[in-house]
Protein backbone atom coordinates (compact mmCIF):
# COMPACT_ATOMS: atom_id res chain seq x y z
CA MET A 1 106.66 104.75 96.60
CA LEU A 2 103.56 105.32 98.98
CA THR A 3 103.24 108.26 100.91
CA ILE A 4 100.40 109.01 103.49
CA GLN A 5 100.27 112.41 105.32
CA GLY A 6 98.06 113.26 108.54
CA LEU A 7 96.47 109.86 107.77
CA THR A 8 93.53 109.03 110.58
CA LYS A 9 90.53 106.97 111.81
CA ILE A 10 88.15 107.58 114.11
CA TYR A 11 85.24 105.00 115.34
CA GLN A 12 82.92 107.05 117.15
CA ALA A 13 84.65 108.25 120.19
CA HIS A 14 87.53 105.96 119.70
CA THR A 15 90.54 107.56 117.75
CA ALA A 16 92.45 104.22 116.33
CA LEU A 17 94.62 106.34 114.55
CA TYR A 18 95.77 109.79 115.19
CA PRO A 19 97.51 111.91 112.17
CA THR A 20 100.21 109.77 110.93
CA ASP A 21 102.99 110.70 108.09
CA LEU A 22 105.03 108.10 106.58
CA THR A 23 106.57 106.90 103.42
CA PHE A 24 107.29 103.55 102.19
CA GLU A 25 109.33 103.05 99.25
CA ALA A 26 110.01 100.18 96.72
CA SER A 27 112.23 97.28 97.43
CA ARG A 28 111.67 98.18 101.37
CA PHE A 29 110.81 95.68 104.00
CA SER A 30 108.92 97.53 106.66
CA VAL A 31 107.42 95.94 109.86
CA LEU A 32 104.58 97.34 112.16
CA LEU A 33 105.11 96.72 115.95
CA GLY A 34 103.05 97.41 119.02
CA PRO A 35 100.98 96.12 121.35
CA SER A 36 97.38 94.80 120.66
CA GLY A 37 94.82 98.22 119.97
CA ALA A 38 97.98 99.90 119.04
CA GLY A 39 96.80 100.81 115.29
CA LYS A 40 98.73 98.61 113.37
CA SER A 41 95.91 96.93 111.58
CA THR A 42 93.97 100.24 111.17
CA LEU A 43 97.34 101.77 109.50
CA LEU A 44 97.89 98.61 107.15
CA ARG A 45 93.79 98.51 106.08
CA CYS A 46 94.03 102.23 105.45
CA LEU A 47 97.02 102.44 103.20
CA ASN A 48 94.87 100.45 100.46
CA GLN A 49 91.54 101.89 102.08
CA LEU A 50 90.08 98.65 102.74
CA THR A 51 89.33 100.81 105.85
CA VAL A 52 88.53 104.14 104.65
CA PRO A 53 90.33 106.93 106.66
CA THR A 54 89.08 109.57 108.91
CA GLY A 55 91.30 112.20 107.31
CA GLY A 56 94.34 112.71 106.07
CA THR A 57 95.86 111.71 102.61
CA VAL A 58 97.26 108.31 100.74
CA GLU A 59 99.42 109.23 98.03
CA ILE A 60 100.91 106.40 95.26
CA GLU A 61 103.57 107.63 92.65
CA GLY A 62 101.99 107.42 89.45
CA ILE A 63 98.32 107.90 90.53
CA GLY A 64 98.99 110.75 93.23
CA SER A 65 96.62 111.17 95.90
CA ILE A 66 93.83 108.40 95.99
CA ASP A 67 90.69 111.19 96.14
CA THR A 68 88.30 109.71 93.92
CA ALA A 69 86.85 105.67 93.40
CA SER A 70 88.35 105.51 89.99
CA LYS A 71 91.67 105.75 91.88
CA ARG A 72 91.08 104.09 95.03
CA HIS A 73 90.07 100.72 92.56
CA ALA A 74 93.44 101.62 90.92
CA LEU A 75 95.24 101.43 94.49
CA ARG A 76 93.74 98.19 95.39
CA CYS A 77 94.33 96.86 92.05
CA MET A 78 98.31 97.00 92.47
CA THR A 79 98.06 96.24 96.24
CA GLY A 80 98.18 92.56 97.40
CA PHE A 81 96.86 91.90 100.78
CA VAL A 82 97.91 89.00 103.13
CA PHE A 83 95.63 87.91 105.86
CA GLN A 84 96.46 86.67 109.23
CA GLN A 85 93.63 83.86 108.64
CA HIS A 86 94.61 83.61 104.90
CA GLN A 87 90.81 84.00 104.13
CA LEU A 88 90.91 81.01 101.58
CA ILE A 89 87.83 79.49 99.92
CA PHE A 90 88.54 75.85 101.36
CA ARG A 91 86.49 73.85 99.00
CA GLN A 92 88.64 75.22 96.12
CA THR A 93 91.98 74.22 94.60
CA ALA A 94 94.78 76.06 95.31
CA LEU A 95 94.62 77.21 91.63
CA ALA A 96 91.41 78.58 91.72
CA ASN A 97 92.26 80.69 95.33
CA VAL A 98 95.09 82.20 93.50
CA LEU A 99 93.14 83.14 90.28
CA ASN A 100 90.87 84.82 92.64
CA GLY A 101 93.12 87.15 92.96
CA ARG A 102 92.78 88.72 89.78
CA LEU A 103 88.64 88.79 90.38
CA GLY A 104 89.12 92.71 91.60
CA CYS A 105 90.77 93.88 88.67
CA THR A 106 88.75 91.95 86.02
CA PRO A 107 85.67 93.21 84.36
CA LEU A 108 82.45 91.60 85.85
CA TRP A 109 81.44 89.87 82.67
CA ARG A 110 85.03 88.65 81.92
CA SER A 111 84.99 87.30 85.20
CA LEU A 112 81.55 85.06 83.93
CA LEU A 113 83.84 83.34 81.60
CA PRO A 114 86.67 80.48 82.23
CA TRP A 115 89.94 81.80 83.06
CA SER A 116 92.27 82.42 79.71
CA ARG A 117 95.59 80.08 79.30
CA LYS A 118 97.50 82.83 80.05
CA ASP A 119 95.75 83.83 83.49
CA VAL A 120 96.10 80.01 84.44
CA THR A 121 99.59 79.87 83.35
CA ASP A 122 100.40 83.34 85.28
CA ALA A 123 98.76 81.64 88.11
CA LEU A 124 100.58 78.62 88.33
CA GLY A 125 103.76 80.63 87.95
CA CYS A 126 102.79 82.37 91.50
CA LEU A 127 102.14 79.04 92.98
CA GLU A 128 105.62 77.98 91.45
CA ARG A 129 107.15 80.72 93.46
CA VAL A 130 106.03 79.86 96.92
CA GLY A 131 107.08 76.41 96.50
CA LEU A 132 103.28 74.77 95.88
CA LEU A 133 103.36 73.59 92.23
CA ASP A 134 102.90 70.30 92.93
CA PHE A 135 99.50 71.01 94.97
CA ALA A 136 98.17 73.46 92.56
CA LEU A 137 95.07 70.92 92.15
CA THR A 138 94.81 70.42 95.79
CA ARG A 139 91.71 71.54 97.67
CA ALA A 140 93.22 74.48 100.22
CA GLY A 141 90.99 73.16 102.98
CA ARG A 142 93.27 70.07 103.10
CA LEU A 143 96.82 72.23 103.08
CA SER A 144 98.75 72.92 106.24
CA GLY A 145 98.86 76.41 107.87
CA GLY A 146 101.97 77.14 106.14
CA GLN A 147 101.13 76.01 102.95
CA GLN A 148 97.98 77.89 103.11
CA GLN A 149 99.64 81.07 103.95
CA ARG A 150 101.89 80.48 100.45
CA VAL A 151 98.61 80.07 98.83
CA GLY A 152 97.49 83.60 100.13
CA ILE A 153 100.89 85.03 99.10
CA ALA A 154 100.59 83.53 95.74
CA ARG A 155 96.92 84.75 95.44
CA ALA A 156 98.60 88.48 96.10
CA LEU A 157 100.99 87.83 93.56
CA ALA A 158 98.63 87.13 91.03
CA GLN A 159 97.62 90.67 91.16
CA LYS A 160 101.07 91.97 89.83
CA PRO A 161 101.38 94.13 92.84
CA ARG A 162 103.80 97.01 93.51
CA ILE A 163 102.57 97.01 97.07
CA ILE A 164 102.23 94.30 99.56
CA LEU A 165 100.35 94.63 102.75
CA ALA A 166 100.44 91.45 105.35
CA ASP A 167 98.44 91.70 108.53
CA GLU A 168 99.92 89.34 111.12
CA PRO A 169 100.82 86.41 108.23
CA VAL A 170 102.51 84.43 111.14
CA ALA A 171 100.41 84.82 114.25
CA SER A 172 99.25 81.03 113.69
CA LEU A 173 102.25 79.55 112.64
CA ASP A 174 105.07 77.97 114.51
CA PRO A 175 108.68 79.57 114.71
CA ALA A 176 110.09 77.54 111.73
CA LYS A 177 107.09 78.27 109.31
CA SER A 178 107.16 81.67 110.70
CA GLU A 179 110.53 82.21 108.96
CA GLU A 180 109.70 80.60 106.08
CA ILE A 181 107.05 82.83 105.51
CA LEU A 182 108.89 85.90 106.26
CA GLU A 183 112.04 84.81 104.22
CA LEU A 184 109.55 84.08 101.02
CA LEU A 185 107.94 87.80 101.71
CA LEU A 186 111.20 89.26 102.04
CA LYS A 187 112.81 87.58 98.79
CA ILE A 188 109.31 88.90 96.52
CA CYS A 189 110.24 92.06 98.30
CA ARG A 190 113.54 92.18 97.03
CA GLU A 191 113.02 90.32 93.32
CA ASP A 192 110.24 92.31 92.54
CA GLY A 193 110.63 95.73 93.96
CA ILE A 194 107.86 95.75 96.07
CA CYS A 195 106.43 97.81 98.87
CA THR A 196 106.34 95.42 101.42
CA VAL A 197 104.81 96.48 105.03
CA VAL A 198 103.87 93.77 107.52
CA SER A 199 102.44 93.93 110.84
CA LEU A 200 104.11 91.15 113.36
CA HIS A 201 104.19 90.79 117.12
CA GLN A 202 107.46 88.98 117.31
CA VAL A 203 110.33 91.29 118.08
CA ASP A 204 112.92 88.92 117.13
CA LEU A 205 111.45 88.41 113.52
CA ALA A 206 111.22 92.16 113.22
CA ARG A 207 114.74 92.43 114.19
CA LYS A 208 115.96 89.70 111.47
CA PHE A 209 113.81 90.50 108.72
CA ALA A 210 112.94 94.33 108.79
CA ASP A 211 114.82 97.06 106.73
CA ARG A 212 112.94 99.46 108.95
CA VAL A 213 110.67 98.94 112.07
CA ILE A 214 107.83 101.30 112.82
CA ALA A 215 106.12 100.87 116.12
CA LEU A 216 102.92 102.20 117.02
CA LYS A 217 101.46 102.82 120.43
CA ASP A 218 97.85 104.25 121.23
CA GLY A 219 97.43 105.19 117.56
CA ARG A 220 100.65 106.92 117.40
CA VAL A 221 103.65 106.20 115.59
CA VAL A 222 106.32 106.14 118.97
CA PHE A 223 109.20 104.57 116.95
CA ASP A 224 110.55 104.74 113.43
CA ALA A 225 114.03 103.42 112.42
CA PRO A 226 116.29 100.49 111.27
CA PRO A 227 116.15 97.35 113.80
CA ASN A 228 119.36 97.50 114.84
CA GLU A 229 118.33 100.88 116.56
CA LEU A 230 115.42 98.63 118.59
CA SER A 231 116.94 98.56 121.91
CA GLU A 232 115.53 97.48 125.22
CA SER A 233 114.64 100.97 126.46
CA ALA A 234 112.74 101.60 123.07
CA LEU A 235 110.88 98.23 123.41
CA LYS A 236 110.09 99.13 127.13
CA GLU A 237 108.58 102.50 125.82
CA ILE A 238 106.63 101.02 122.96
CA TYR A 239 105.19 98.02 125.32
CA THR A 240 104.85 100.10 128.71
CA SER A 241 106.43 97.09 130.34
CA GLY A 242 109.02 97.32 132.98
CA GLY A 243 109.68 93.20 132.38
CA ASP A 244 111.43 91.49 129.52
CA VAL A 245 109.10 91.88 126.60
CA SER A 246 109.99 88.70 125.08
CA SER A 247 107.74 87.09 127.99
CA GLN A 248 104.71 89.39 126.86
CA PRO A 249 101.33 87.35 125.72
CA GLU A 250 100.89 87.52 122.20
CA GLU A 251 98.66 90.15 121.05
CA GLU A 252 95.32 89.49 119.83
CA THR A 253 94.58 88.89 116.18
CA GLY A 254 94.69 92.45 113.87
CA GLU A 255 91.85 90.95 112.35
CA ASN A 256 89.92 90.53 115.58
CA GLU A 257 90.83 93.92 116.72
CA LEU A 258 89.57 95.59 114.07
CA ALA A 259 86.44 93.84 114.09
CA VAL A 260 85.78 94.87 117.81
CA LEU A 261 86.11 98.36 116.39
CA GLU A 262 84.19 98.57 113.50
CA ALA A 263 81.56 96.77 115.90
CA LYS A 264 81.05 99.62 118.03
CA ALA A 265 81.08 101.99 115.12
CA ALA A 266 78.30 100.27 113.74
């Protein structure tokens, strides 16, 4: 179980996330919705402190409040992060990219040595779970976008995570591939009992896959309920649009949104 209380993030004069209280449970697939700049990416990155919160607390069952460097390291080791732009090393093989998922929890001296047979076997098992075992020795740059995202998921699995966070993982994929990736994430969530939090901009996908929808607007949570309660009136409130929400333009990437905010704070 992952709990946040009063979690806040301020970039100079801009408040990206107002005090927020939420609890995320194991085996639950939670989806974050909201327009560009709503705070979805900021919230995701504050959950495992890739972005350090300005205030509030993050608590994880078995560790407690994340208030020391060692606890922050432990939280990151148990959290797999799936990025929109994959963040793969294209010149390396799919297998090597998956093994990279273990580097953050490997002592520096050990990372200078060849990977053990068990490490390699485990990484191959992760690739098999995402349907890419036959592409283990293919360079990541030669894979399709959907395959690259599967490698990103396998890399997250290599951490043996208790939590998976995914920031717009299907924004660059076509509808069919988007559903395949979300089905894969949902299957992993269920089979492994992983607490999974995914930000999306597609309302139809949120309705289809989410156990719970959390919508943000202007840095505040404005909706938190099962997807069957995501009515048209609720969507109009979230997106402040009088028109059909399905016709709204796709929002900018969460990673770009975050980069702009952090550049302003620099």
